[in-house]
Full PDB file with SEQRES, HELIX, SHEET, SSBOND, CRYST1, ORIGX, SCALE, CONECT and MASTER records, all heavy atoms in Angstrom:
SEQRES   1 A   42  HIS GLN ASN SER ALA VAL GLY HIS ARG GLU ILE LEU LYS          
SEQRES   2 A   42  VAL LEU ASP LYS GLY ILE LYS VAL TYR GLY ALA SER SER          
SEQRES   3 A   42  MET GLY ALA LEU ARG ALA SER GLU LEU ASP SER LEU GLY          
SEQRES   4 A   42  MET ILE GLY                                                  
HELIX    1 AA1 HIS A    8  ASP A   16  1                                   9    
HELIX    2 AA2 MET A   27  LEU A   35  1                                   9    
HELIX    3 AA3 ASP A   36  LEU A   38  5                                   3    
CRYST1    1.000    1.000    1.000  90.00  90.00  90.00 P 1           1          
ORIGX1      1.000000  0.000000  0.000000        0.00000                         
ORIGX2      0.000000  1.000000  0.000000        0.00000                         
ORIGX3      0.000000  0.000000  1.000000        0.00000                         
SCALE1      1.000000  0.000000  0.000000        0.00000                         
SCALE2      0.000000  1.000000  0.000000        0.00000                         
SCALE3      0.000000  0.000000  1.000000        0.00000                         
ATOM      1  N   HIS A   1      -1.294 -19.935  60.878  1.00  0.00           N  
ATOM      2  CA  HIS A   1      -2.552 -19.239  60.618  1.00  0.00           C  
ATOM      3  C   HIS A   1      -2.444 -17.725  60.753  1.00  0.00           C  
ATOM      4  O   HIS A   1      -3.280 -17.000  60.235  1.00  0.00           O  
ATOM      5  CB  HIS A   1      -3.637 -19.764  61.571  1.00  0.00           C  
ATOM      6  CG  HIS A   1      -3.865 -21.233  61.444  1.00  0.00           C  
ATOM      7  ND1 HIS A   1      -4.377 -21.812  60.303  1.00  0.00           N  
ATOM      8  CD2 HIS A   1      -3.646 -22.253  62.303  1.00  0.00           C  
ATOM      9  CE1 HIS A   1      -4.472 -23.123  60.470  1.00  0.00           C  
ATOM     10  NE2 HIS A   1      -4.024 -23.415  61.672  1.00  0.00           N  
ATOM     11  N   GLN A   2      -1.405 -17.248  61.454  1.00  0.00           N  
ATOM     12  CA  GLN A   2      -1.258 -15.804  61.628  1.00  0.00           C  
ATOM     13  C   GLN A   2      -0.960 -15.123  60.290  1.00  0.00           C  
ATOM     14  O   GLN A   2      -1.407 -14.021  60.026  1.00  0.00           O  
ATOM     15  CB  GLN A   2      -0.127 -15.504  62.631  1.00  0.00           C  
ATOM     16  CG  GLN A   2      -0.398 -16.027  64.033  1.00  0.00           C  
ATOM     17  CD  GLN A   2       0.144 -17.447  64.220  1.00  0.00           C  
ATOM     18  OE1 GLN A   2       0.371 -18.168  63.256  1.00  0.00           O  
ATOM     19  NE2 GLN A   2       0.324 -17.845  65.462  1.00  0.00           N  
ATOM     20  N   ASN A   3      -0.165 -15.793  59.446  1.00  0.00           N  
ATOM     21  CA  ASN A   3       0.139 -15.353  58.080  1.00  0.00           C  
ATOM     22  C   ASN A   3       0.116 -16.588  57.203  1.00  0.00           C  
ATOM     23  O   ASN A   3      -0.027 -17.704  57.684  1.00  0.00           O  
ATOM     24  CB  ASN A   3       1.513 -14.679  58.003  1.00  0.00           C  
ATOM     25  CG  ASN A   3       1.616 -13.419  58.843  1.00  0.00           C  
ATOM     26  OD1 ASN A   3       2.086 -13.446  59.968  1.00  0.00           O  
ATOM     27  ND2 ASN A   3       1.183 -12.302  58.289  1.00  0.00           N  
ATOM     28  N   SER A   4       0.273 -16.405  55.892  1.00  0.00           N  
ATOM     29  CA  SER A   4       0.338 -17.565  55.004  1.00  0.00           C  
ATOM     30  C   SER A   4       1.606 -18.345  55.284  1.00  0.00           C  
ATOM     31  O   SER A   4       2.682 -17.774  55.462  1.00  0.00           O  
ATOM     32  CB  SER A   4       0.309 -17.109  53.540  1.00  0.00           C  
ATOM     33  OG  SER A   4      -0.917 -16.463  53.246  1.00  0.00           O  
ATOM     34  N   ALA A   5       1.470 -19.674  55.333  1.00  0.00           N  
ATOM     35  CA  ALA A   5       2.618 -20.535  55.622  1.00  0.00           C  
ATOM     36  C   ALA A   5       3.575 -20.577  54.440  1.00  0.00           C  
ATOM     37  O   ALA A   5       3.183 -20.350  53.283  1.00  0.00           O  
ATOM     38  CB  ALA A   5       2.131 -21.945  55.948  1.00  0.00           C  
ATOM     39  N   VAL A   6       4.847 -20.879  54.706  1.00  0.00           N  
ATOM     40  CA  VAL A   6       5.839 -21.007  53.642  1.00  0.00           C  
ATOM     41  C   VAL A   6       5.381 -22.083  52.664  1.00  0.00           C  
ATOM     42  O   VAL A   6       4.914 -23.144  53.057  1.00  0.00           O  
ATOM     43  CB  VAL A   6       7.231 -21.334  54.222  1.00  0.00           C  
ATOM     44  CG1 VAL A   6       7.234 -22.640  55.010  1.00  0.00           C  
ATOM     45  CG2 VAL A   6       8.286 -21.362  53.137  1.00  0.00           C  
ATOM     46  N   GLY A   7       5.482 -21.786  51.371  1.00  0.00           N  
ATOM     47  CA  GLY A   7       4.975 -22.691  50.354  1.00  0.00           C  
ATOM     48  C   GLY A   7       5.995 -23.698  49.856  1.00  0.00           C  
ATOM     49  O   GLY A   7       7.205 -23.480  49.959  1.00  0.00           O  
ATOM     50  N   HIS A   8       5.500 -24.795  49.301  1.00  0.00           N  
ATOM     51  CA  HIS A   8       6.376 -25.837  48.765  1.00  0.00           C  
ATOM     52  C   HIS A   8       7.230 -25.294  47.612  1.00  0.00           C  
ATOM     53  O   HIS A   8       8.411 -25.607  47.500  1.00  0.00           O  
ATOM     54  CB  HIS A   8       5.543 -27.023  48.285  1.00  0.00           C  
ATOM     55  CG  HIS A   8       4.694 -27.631  49.367  1.00  0.00           C  
ATOM     56  ND1 HIS A   8       3.488 -27.098  49.729  1.00  0.00           N  
ATOM     57  CD2 HIS A   8       4.904 -28.705  50.164  1.00  0.00           C  
ATOM     58  CE1 HIS A   8       2.976 -27.830  50.711  1.00  0.00           C  
ATOM     59  NE2 HIS A   8       3.807 -28.808  50.990  1.00  0.00           N  
ATOM     60  N   ARG A   9       6.625 -24.494  46.748  1.00  0.00           N  
ATOM     61  CA  ARG A   9       7.359 -23.967  45.592  1.00  0.00           C  
ATOM     62  C   ARG A   9       8.517 -23.070  46.019  1.00  0.00           C  
ATOM     63  O   ARG A   9       9.555 -23.048  45.363  1.00  0.00           O  
ATOM     64  CB  ARG A   9       6.400 -23.199  44.675  1.00  0.00           C  
ATOM     65  CG  ARG A   9       5.409 -24.087  43.934  1.00  0.00           C  
ATOM     66  CD  ARG A   9       4.565 -23.276  42.975  1.00  0.00           C  
ATOM     67  NE  ARG A   9       3.625 -24.121  42.249  1.00  0.00           N  
ATOM     68  CZ  ARG A   9       2.768 -23.680  41.329  1.00  0.00           C  
ATOM     69  NH1 ARG A   9       2.739 -22.384  41.047  1.00  0.00           N  
ATOM     70  NH2 ARG A   9       1.952 -24.511  40.722  1.00  0.00           N  
ATOM     71  N   GLU A  10       8.317 -22.333  47.110  1.00  0.00           N  
ATOM     72  CA  GLU A  10       9.383 -21.476  47.622  1.00  0.00           C  
ATOM     73  C   GLU A  10      10.595 -22.312  48.030  1.00  0.00           C  
ATOM     74  O   GLU A  10      11.740 -21.974  47.735  1.00  0.00           O  
ATOM     75  CB  GLU A  10       8.891 -20.690  48.830  1.00  0.00           C  
ATOM     76  CG  GLU A  10       7.803 -19.681  48.539  1.00  0.00           C  
ATOM     77  CD  GLU A  10       7.321 -19.007  49.811  1.00  0.00           C  
ATOM     78  OE1 GLU A  10       6.434 -19.560  50.482  1.00  0.00           O  
ATOM     79  OE2 GLU A  10       7.853 -17.930  50.157  1.00  0.00           O  
ATOM     80  N   ILE A  11      10.318 -23.393  48.719  1.00  0.00           N  
ATOM     81  CA  ILE A  11      11.405 -24.269  49.175  1.00  0.00           C  
ATOM     82  C   ILE A  11      12.068 -24.947  47.986  1.00  0.00           C  
ATOM     83  O   ILE A  11      13.305 -25.056  47.931  1.00  0.00           O  
ATOM     84  CB  ILE A  11      10.874 -25.310  50.181  1.00  0.00           C  
ATOM     85  CG1 ILE A  11      10.340 -24.603  51.432  1.00  0.00           C  
ATOM     86  CG2 ILE A  11      11.970 -26.312  50.556  1.00  0.00           C  
ATOM     87  CD1 ILE A  11       9.633 -25.505  52.408  1.00  0.00           C  
ATOM     88  N   LEU A  12      11.272 -25.402  47.029  1.00  0.00           N  
ATOM     89  CA  LEU A  12      11.835 -26.055  45.848  1.00  0.00           C  
ATOM     90  C   LEU A  12      12.714 -25.099  45.049  1.00  0.00           C  
ATOM     91  O   LEU A  12      13.753 -25.505  44.504  1.00  0.00           O  
ATOM     92  CB  LEU A  12      10.705 -26.595  44.962  1.00  0.00           C  
ATOM     93  CG  LEU A  12       9.932 -27.785  45.541  1.00  0.00           C  
ATOM     94  CD1 LEU A  12       8.757 -28.142  44.638  1.00  0.00           C  
ATOM     95  CD2 LEU A  12      10.853 -29.000  45.715  1.00  0.00           C  
ATOM     96  N   LYS A  13      12.337 -23.845  45.006  1.00  0.00           N  
ATOM     97  CA  LYS A  13      13.141 -22.841  44.303  1.00  0.00           C  
ATOM     98  C   LYS A  13      14.507 -22.710  44.969  1.00  0.00           C  
ATOM     99  O   LYS A  13      15.538 -22.586  44.283  1.00  0.00           O  
ATOM    100  CB  LYS A  13      12.425 -21.490  44.298  1.00  0.00           C  
ATOM    101  CG  LYS A  13      13.157 -20.405  43.518  1.00  0.00           C  
ATOM    102  CD  LYS A  13      12.351 -19.110  43.495  1.00  0.00           C  
ATOM    103  CE  LYS A  13      13.088 -18.020  42.720  1.00  0.00           C  
ATOM    104  NZ  LYS A  13      12.315 -16.743  42.706  1.00  0.00           N  
ATOM    105  N   VAL A  14      14.530 -22.748  46.288  1.00  0.00           N  
ATOM    106  CA  VAL A  14      15.789 -22.665  47.035  1.00  0.00           C  
ATOM    107  C   VAL A  14      16.640 -23.903  46.768  1.00  0.00           C  
ATOM    108  O   VAL A  14      17.847 -23.814  46.523  1.00  0.00           O  
ATOM    109  CB  VAL A  14      15.502 -22.519  48.543  1.00  0.00           C  
ATOM    110  CG1 VAL A  14      16.801 -22.610  49.346  1.00  0.00           C  
ATOM    111  CG2 VAL A  14      14.807 -21.195  48.828  1.00  0.00           C  
ATOM    112  N   LEU A  15      16.016 -25.068  46.802  1.00  0.00           N  
ATOM    113  CA  LEU A  15      16.731 -26.315  46.544  1.00  0.00           C  
ATOM    114  C   LEU A  15      17.312 -26.344  45.137  1.00  0.00           C  
ATOM    115  O   LEU A  15      18.422 -26.835  44.918  1.00  0.00           O  
ATOM    116  CB  LEU A  15      15.796 -27.513  46.745  1.00  0.00           C  
ATOM    117  CG  LEU A  15      15.373 -27.810  48.194  1.00  0.00           C  
ATOM    118  CD1 LEU A  15      14.239 -28.822  48.208  1.00  0.00           C  
ATOM    119  CD2 LEU A  15      16.561 -28.312  49.010  1.00  0.00           C  
ATOM    120  N   ASP A  16      16.567 -25.800  44.187  1.00  0.00           N  
ATOM    121  CA  ASP A  16      17.035 -25.766  42.785  1.00  0.00           C  
ATOM    122  C   ASP A  16      18.299 -24.937  42.620  1.00  0.00           C  
ATOM    123  O   ASP A  16      19.051 -25.124  41.656  1.00  0.00           O  
ATOM    124  CB  ASP A  16      15.935 -25.217  41.874  1.00  0.00           C  
ATOM    125  CG  ASP A  16      14.808 -26.219  41.638  1.00  0.00           C  
ATOM    126  OD1 ASP A  16      15.016 -27.410  41.923  1.00  0.00           O  
ATOM    127  OD2 ASP A  16      13.719 -25.804  41.191  1.00  0.00           O  
ATOM    128  N   LYS A  17      18.537 -24.035  43.559  1.00  0.00           N  
ATOM    129  CA  LYS A  17      19.737 -23.200  43.495  1.00  0.00           C  
ATOM    130  C   LYS A  17      20.931 -23.861  44.188  1.00  0.00           C  
ATOM    131  O   LYS A  17      21.983 -23.251  44.333  1.00  0.00           O  
ATOM    132  CB  LYS A  17      19.449 -21.831  44.106  1.00  0.00           C  
ATOM    133  CG  LYS A  17      18.465 -21.003  43.289  1.00  0.00           C  
ATOM    134  CD  LYS A  17      18.298 -19.610  43.848  1.00  0.00           C  
ATOM    135  CE  LYS A  17      17.360 -18.780  42.978  1.00  0.00           C  
ATOM    136  NZ  LYS A  17      17.893 -18.580  41.608  1.00  0.00           N  
ATOM    137  N   GLY A  18      20.739 -25.101  44.630  1.00  0.00           N  
ATOM    138  CA  GLY A  18      21.832 -25.834  45.261  1.00  0.00           C  
ATOM    139  C   GLY A  18      22.031 -25.525  46.728  1.00  0.00           C  
ATOM    140  O   GLY A  18      23.045 -25.914  47.323  1.00  0.00           O  
ATOM    141  N   ILE A  19      21.066 -24.844  47.311  1.00  0.00           N  
ATOM    142  CA  ILE A  19      21.145 -24.510  48.736  1.00  0.00           C  
ATOM    143  C   ILE A  19      20.547 -25.664  49.538  1.00  0.00           C  
ATOM    144  O   ILE A  19      19.465 -26.157  49.226  1.00  0.00           O  
ATOM    145  CB  ILE A  19      20.371 -23.216  49.037  1.00  0.00           C  
ATOM    146  CG1 ILE A  19      20.977 -22.050  48.241  1.00  0.00           C  
ATOM    147  CG2 ILE A  19      20.359 -22.912  50.535  1.00  0.00           C  
ATOM    148  CD1 ILE A  19      20.129 -20.804  48.234  1.00  0.00           C  
ATOM    149  N   LYS A  20      21.245 -26.111  50.579  1.00  0.00           N  
ATOM    150  CA  LYS A  20      20.724 -27.182  51.426  1.00  0.00           C  
ATOM    151  C   LYS A  20      19.632 -26.627  52.340  1.00  0.00           C  
ATOM    152  O   LYS A  20      19.813 -25.575  52.958  1.00  0.00           O  
ATOM    153  CB  LYS A  20      21.839 -27.811  52.262  1.00  0.00           C  
ATOM    154  CG  LYS A  20      22.783 -28.699  51.470  1.00  0.00           C  
ATOM    155  CD  LYS A  20      23.738 -29.425  52.405  1.00  0.00           C  
ATOM    156  CE  LYS A  20      24.603 -30.419  51.641  1.00  0.00           C  
ATOM    157  NZ  LYS A  20      25.513 -31.173  52.556  1.00  0.00           N  
ATOM    158  N   VAL A  21      18.516 -27.341  52.414  1.00  0.00           N  
ATOM    159  CA  VAL A  21      17.418 -26.918  53.285  1.00  0.00           C  
ATOM    160  C   VAL A  21      17.095 -28.052  54.250  1.00  0.00           C  
ATOM    161  O   VAL A  21      16.806 -29.171  53.834  1.00  0.00           O  
ATOM    162  CB  VAL A  21      16.157 -26.539  52.481  1.00  0.00           C  
ATOM    163  CG1 VAL A  21      15.067 -26.045  53.429  1.00  0.00           C  
ATOM    164  CG2 VAL A  21      16.475 -25.491  51.430  1.00  0.00           C  
ATOM    165  N   TYR A  22      17.156 -27.736  55.543  1.00  0.00           N  
ATOM    166  CA  TYR A  22      16.865 -28.707  56.595  1.00  0.00           C  
ATOM    167  C   TYR A  22      15.567 -28.310  57.304  1.00  0.00           C  
ATOM    168  O   TYR A  22      15.235 -27.134  57.403  1.00  0.00           O  
ATOM    169  CB  TYR A  22      17.986 -28.732  57.628  1.00  0.00           C  
ATOM    170  CG  TYR A  22      19.315 -29.199  57.097  1.00  0.00           C  
ATOM    171  CD1 TYR A  22      20.192 -28.309  56.464  1.00  0.00           C  
ATOM    172  CD2 TYR A  22      19.717 -30.524  57.228  1.00  0.00           C  
ATOM    173  CE1 TYR A  22      21.421 -28.729  55.987  1.00  0.00           C  
ATOM    174  CE2 TYR A  22      20.958 -30.954  56.746  1.00  0.00           C  
ATOM    175  CZ  TYR A  22      21.787 -30.056  56.132  1.00  0.00           C  
ATOM    176  OH  TYR A  22      23.012 -30.476  55.650  1.00  0.00           O  
ATOM    177  N   GLY A  23      14.861 -29.307  57.821  1.00  0.00           N  
ATOM    178  CA  GLY A  23      13.640 -29.027  58.559  1.00  0.00           C  
ATOM    179  C   GLY A  23      13.483 -29.925  59.765  1.00  0.00           C  
ATOM    180  O   GLY A  23      13.872 -31.098  59.736  1.00  0.00           O  
ATOM    181  N   ALA A  24      12.923 -29.365  60.832  1.00  0.00           N  
ATOM    182  CA  ALA A  24      12.702 -30.141  62.055  1.00  0.00           C  
ATOM    183  C   ALA A  24      11.671 -29.453  62.930  1.00  0.00           C  
ATOM    184  O   ALA A  24      11.320 -28.289  62.710  1.00  0.00           O  
ATOM    185  CB  ALA A  24      14.008 -30.303  62.836  1.00  0.00           C  
ATOM    186  N   SER A  25      11.171 -30.199  63.907  1.00  0.00           N  
ATOM    187  CA  SER A  25      10.445 -29.670  65.060  1.00  0.00           C  
ATOM    188  C   SER A  25       8.995 -29.267  64.785  1.00  0.00           C  
ATOM    189  O   SER A  25       8.082 -29.821  65.369  1.00  0.00           O  
ATOM    190  CB  SER A  25      11.201 -28.481  65.657  1.00  0.00           C  
ATOM    191  OG  SER A  25      10.610 -28.061  66.846  1.00  0.00           O  
ATOM    192  N   SER A  26       8.785 -28.300  63.921  1.00  0.00           N  
ATOM    193  CA  SER A  26       7.450 -27.747  63.723  1.00  0.00           C  
ATOM    194  C   SER A  26       7.151 -27.629  62.225  1.00  0.00           C  
ATOM    195  O   SER A  26       7.043 -28.629  61.542  1.00  0.00           O  
ATOM    196  CB  SER A  26       7.348 -26.392  64.438  1.00  0.00           C  
ATOM    197  OG  SER A  26       6.020 -25.959  64.500  1.00  0.00           O  
ATOM    198  N   MET A  27       7.022 -26.409  61.723  1.00  0.00           N  
ATOM    199  CA  MET A  27       6.809 -26.232  60.282  1.00  0.00           C  
ATOM    200  C   MET A  27       7.908 -26.908  59.478  1.00  0.00           C  
ATOM    201  O   MET A  27       7.655 -27.483  58.409  1.00  0.00           O  
ATOM    202  CB  MET A  27       6.760 -24.732  59.952  1.00  0.00           C  
ATOM    203  CG  MET A  27       6.640 -24.419  58.454  1.00  0.00           C  
ATOM    204  SD  MET A  27       5.118 -25.053  57.721  1.00  0.00           S  
ATOM    205  CE  MET A  27       3.943 -23.835  58.330  1.00  0.00           C  
ATOM    206  N   GLY A  28       9.127 -26.876  59.991  1.00  0.00           N  
ATOM    207  CA  GLY A  28      10.247 -27.514  59.296  1.00  0.00           C  
ATOM    208  C   GLY A  28      10.047 -29.002  59.142  1.00  0.00           C  
ATOM    209  O   GLY A  28      10.347 -29.580  58.093  1.00  0.00           O  
ATOM    210  N   ALA A  29       9.547 -29.661  60.185  1.00  0.00           N  
ATOM    211  CA  ALA A  29       9.297 -31.102  60.137  1.00  0.00           C  
ATOM    212  C   ALA A  29       8.207 -31.428  59.131  1.00  0.00           C  
ATOM    213  O   ALA A  29       8.312 -32.387  58.356  1.00  0.00           O  
ATOM    214  CB  ALA A  29       8.904 -31.606  61.519  1.00  0.00           C  
ATOM    215  N   LEU A  30       7.143 -30.627  59.138  1.00  0.00           N  
ATOM    216  CA  LEU A  30       6.028 -30.843  58.215  1.00  0.00           C  
ATOM    217  C   LEU A  30       6.475 -30.706  56.765  1.00  0.00           C  
ATOM    218  O   LEU A  30       6.225 -31.603  55.944  1.00  0.00           O  
ATOM    219  CB  LEU A  30       4.913 -29.837  58.526  1.00  0.00           C  
ATOM    220  CG  LEU A  30       3.712 -29.821  57.575  1.00  0.00           C  
ATOM    221  CD1 LEU A  30       3.003 -31.171  57.587  1.00  0.00           C  
ATOM    222  CD2 LEU A  30       2.758 -28.696  57.954  1.00  0.00           C  
ATOM    223  N   ARG A  31       7.163 -29.615  56.443  1.00  0.00           N  
ATOM    224  CA  ARG A  31       7.583 -29.402  55.059  1.00  0.00           C  
ATOM    225  C   ARG A  31       8.654 -30.416  54.637  1.00  0.00           C  
ATOM    226  O   ARG A  31       8.665 -30.870  53.493  1.00  0.00           O  
ATOM    227  CB  ARG A  31       8.109 -27.977  54.880  1.00  0.00           C  
ATOM    228  CG  ARG A  31       7.026 -26.924  54.915  1.00  0.00           C  
ATOM    229  CD  ARG A  31       6.118 -27.009  53.699  1.00  0.00           C  
ATOM    230  NE  ARG A  31       5.100 -25.965  53.701  1.00  0.00           N  
ATOM    231  CZ  ARG A  31       3.849 -26.141  54.102  1.00  0.00           C  
ATOM    232  NH1 ARG A  31       3.450 -27.344  54.527  1.00  0.00           N  
ATOM    233  NH2 ARG A  31       2.984 -25.148  54.074  1.00  0.00           N  
ATOM    234  N   ALA A  32       9.532 -30.811  55.543  1.00  0.00           N  
ATOM    235  CA  ALA A  32      10.561 -31.798  55.195  1.00  0.00           C  
ATOM    236  C   ALA A  32       9.929 -33.137  54.855  1.00  0.00           C  
ATOM    237  O   ALA A  32      10.384 -33.831  53.940  1.00  0.00           O  
ATOM    238  CB  ALA A  32      11.545 -31.956  56.350  1.00  0.00           C  
ATOM    239  N   SER A  33       8.869 -33.510  55.566  1.00  0.00           N  
ATOM    240  CA  SER A  33       8.206 -34.786  55.277  1.00  0.00           C  
ATOM    241  C   SER A  33       7.532 -34.765  53.920  1.00  0.00           C  
ATOM    242  O   SER A  33       7.398 -35.804  53.268  1.00  0.00           O  
ATOM    243  CB  SER A  33       7.176 -35.097  56.364  1.00  0.00           C  
ATOM    244  OG  SER A  33       6.043 -34.254  56.282  1.00  0.00           O  
ATOM    245  N   GLU A  34       7.132 -33.584  53.480  1.00  0.00           N  
ATOM    246  CA  GLU A  34       6.455 -33.453  52.182  1.00  0.00           C  
ATOM    247  C   GLU A  34       7.439 -33.325  51.026  1.00  0.00           C  
ATOM    248  O   GLU A  34       7.100 -33.643  49.885  1.00  0.00           O  
ATOM    249  CB  GLU A  34       5.541 -32.211  52.215  1.00  0.00           C  
ATOM    250  CG  GLU A  34       4.404 -32.328  53.220  1.00  0.00           C  
ATOM    251  CD  GLU A  34       3.760 -30.993  53.550  1.00  0.00           C  
ATOM    252  OE1 GLU A  34       4.426 -29.933  53.405  1.00  0.00           O  
ATOM    253  OE2 GLU A  34       2.595 -30.993  53.975  1.00  0.00           O  
ATOM    254  N   LEU A  35       8.665 -32.879  51.333  1.00  0.00           N  
ATOM    255  CA  LEU A  35       9.631 -32.581  50.276  1.00  0.00           C  
ATOM    256  C   LEU A  35      10.936 -33.363  50.405  1.00  0.00           C  
ATOM    257  O   LEU A  35      11.897 -33.071  49.690  1.00  0.00           O  
ATOM    258  CB  LEU A  35       9.942 -31.075  50.267  1.00  0.00           C  
ATOM    259  CG  LEU A  35       8.755 -30.142  49.980  1.00  0.00           C  
ATOM    260  CD1 LEU A  35       9.151 -28.688  50.183  1.00  0.00           C  
ATOM    261  CD2 LEU A  35       8.240 -30.353  48.561  1.00  0.00           C  
ATOM    262  N   ASP A  36      10.986 -34.357  51.292  1.00  0.00           N  
ATOM    263  CA  ASP A  36      12.246 -35.087  51.464  1.00  0.00           C  
ATOM    264  C   ASP A  36      12.656 -35.849  50.211  1.00  0.00           C  
ATOM    265  O   ASP A  36      13.843 -36.020  49.935  1.00  0.00           O  
ATOM    266  CB  ASP A  36      12.202 -36.012  52.685  1.00  0.00           C  
ATOM    267  CG  ASP A  36      11.003 -36.951  52.704  1.00  0.00           C  
ATOM    268  OD1 ASP A  36      10.259 -37.000  51.709  1.00  0.00           O  
ATOM    269  OD2 ASP A  36      10.824 -37.633  53.733  1.00  0.00           O  
ATOM    270  N   SER A  37      11.687 -36.296  49.416  1.00  0.00           N  
ATOM    271  CA  SER A  37      12.021 -37.008  48.177  1.00  0.00           C  
ATOM    272  C   SER A  37      12.566 -36.064  47.111  1.00  0.00           C  
ATOM    273  O   SER A  37      13.109 -36.505  46.094  1.00  0.00           O  
ATOM    274  CB  SER A  37      10.784 -37.734  47.641  1.00  0.00           C  
ATOM    275  OG  SER A  37       9.767 -36.808  47.303  1.00  0.00           O  
ATOM    276  N   LEU A  38      12.430 -34.750  47.361  1.00  0.00           N  
ATOM    277  CA  LEU A  38      12.886 -33.746  46.400  1.00  0.00           C  
ATOM    278  C   LEU A  38      14.120 -32.988  46.900  1.00  0.00           C  
ATOM    279  O   LEU A  38      14.529 -32.011  46.287  1.00  0.00           O  
ATOM    280  CB  LEU A  38      11.754 -32.770  46.090  1.00  0.00           C  
ATOM    281  CG  LEU A  38      10.516 -33.408  45.427  1.00  0.00           C  
ATOM    282  CD1 LEU A  38       9.380 -32.402  45.325  1.00  0.00           C  
ATOM    283  CD2 LEU A  38      10.861 -33.955  44.046  1.00  0.00           C  
ATOM    284  N   GLY A  39      14.663 -33.450  48.021  1.00  0.00           N  
ATOM    285  CA  GLY A  39      15.933 -32.875  48.456  1.00  0.00           C  
ATOM    286  C   GLY A  39      15.967 -32.202  49.805  1.00  0.00           C  
ATOM    287  O   GLY A  39      17.048 -31.955  50.343  1.00  0.00           O  
ATOM    288  N   MET A  40      14.811 -31.874  50.379  1.00  0.00           N  
ATOM    289  CA  MET A  40      14.818 -31.270  51.707  1.00  0.00           C  
ATOM    290  C   MET A  40      15.172 -32.349  52.728  1.00  0.00           C  
ATOM    291  O   MET A  40      14.734 -33.496  52.622  1.00  0.00           O  
ATOM    292  CB  MET A  40      13.457 -30.645  52.025  1.00  0.00           C  
ATOM    293  CG  MET A  40      13.456 -29.821  53.306  1.00  0.00           C  
ATOM    294  SD  MET A  40      11.906 -28.898  53.516  1.00  0.00           S  
ATOM    295  CE  MET A  40      12.192 -28.147  55.121  1.00  0.00           C  
ATOM    296  N   ILE A  41      15.938 -31.986  53.740  1.00  0.00           N  
ATOM    297  CA  ILE A  41      16.445 -32.950  54.716  1.00  0.00           C  
ATOM    298  C   ILE A  41      15.710 -32.784  56.041  1.00  0.00           C  
ATOM    299  O   ILE A  41      15.746 -31.721  56.655  1.00  0.00           O  
ATOM    300  CB  ILE A  41      17.960 -32.768  54.927  1.00  0.00           C  
ATOM    301  CG1 ILE A  41      18.698 -32.920  53.596  1.00  0.00           C  
ATOM    302  CG2 ILE A  41      18.489 -33.769  55.956  1.00  0.00           C  
ATOM    303  CD1 ILE A  41      20.125 -32.420  53.627  1.00  0.00           C  
ATOM    304  N   GLY A  42      15.041 -33.841  56.480  1.00  0.00           N  
ATOM    305  CA  GLY A  42      14.313 -33.822  57.744  1.00  0.00           C  
ATOM    306  C   GLY A  42      15.121 -34.422  58.871  1.00  0.00           C  
ATOM    307  O   GLY A  42      15.891 -35.349  58.669  1.00  0.00           O  
TER     308      GLY A  42                                                      
MASTER        0    0    0    3    0    0    0    6  307    1    0    4          
END                                                                             
C-alpha cells in the first residue's frame, strides 16, 4: 500500500525473456501463486 505493488505483466515480461523468477514468503508467495501456471516458481 505504500506504493503500487509489482504487477503481473511486469513479471510475465521478465519470464518471457527466459529469466527464472522465484517467489516466497510475502509478495513473492502471492504473485507466484497467481503466476505459477505461467512459469513463476513458488
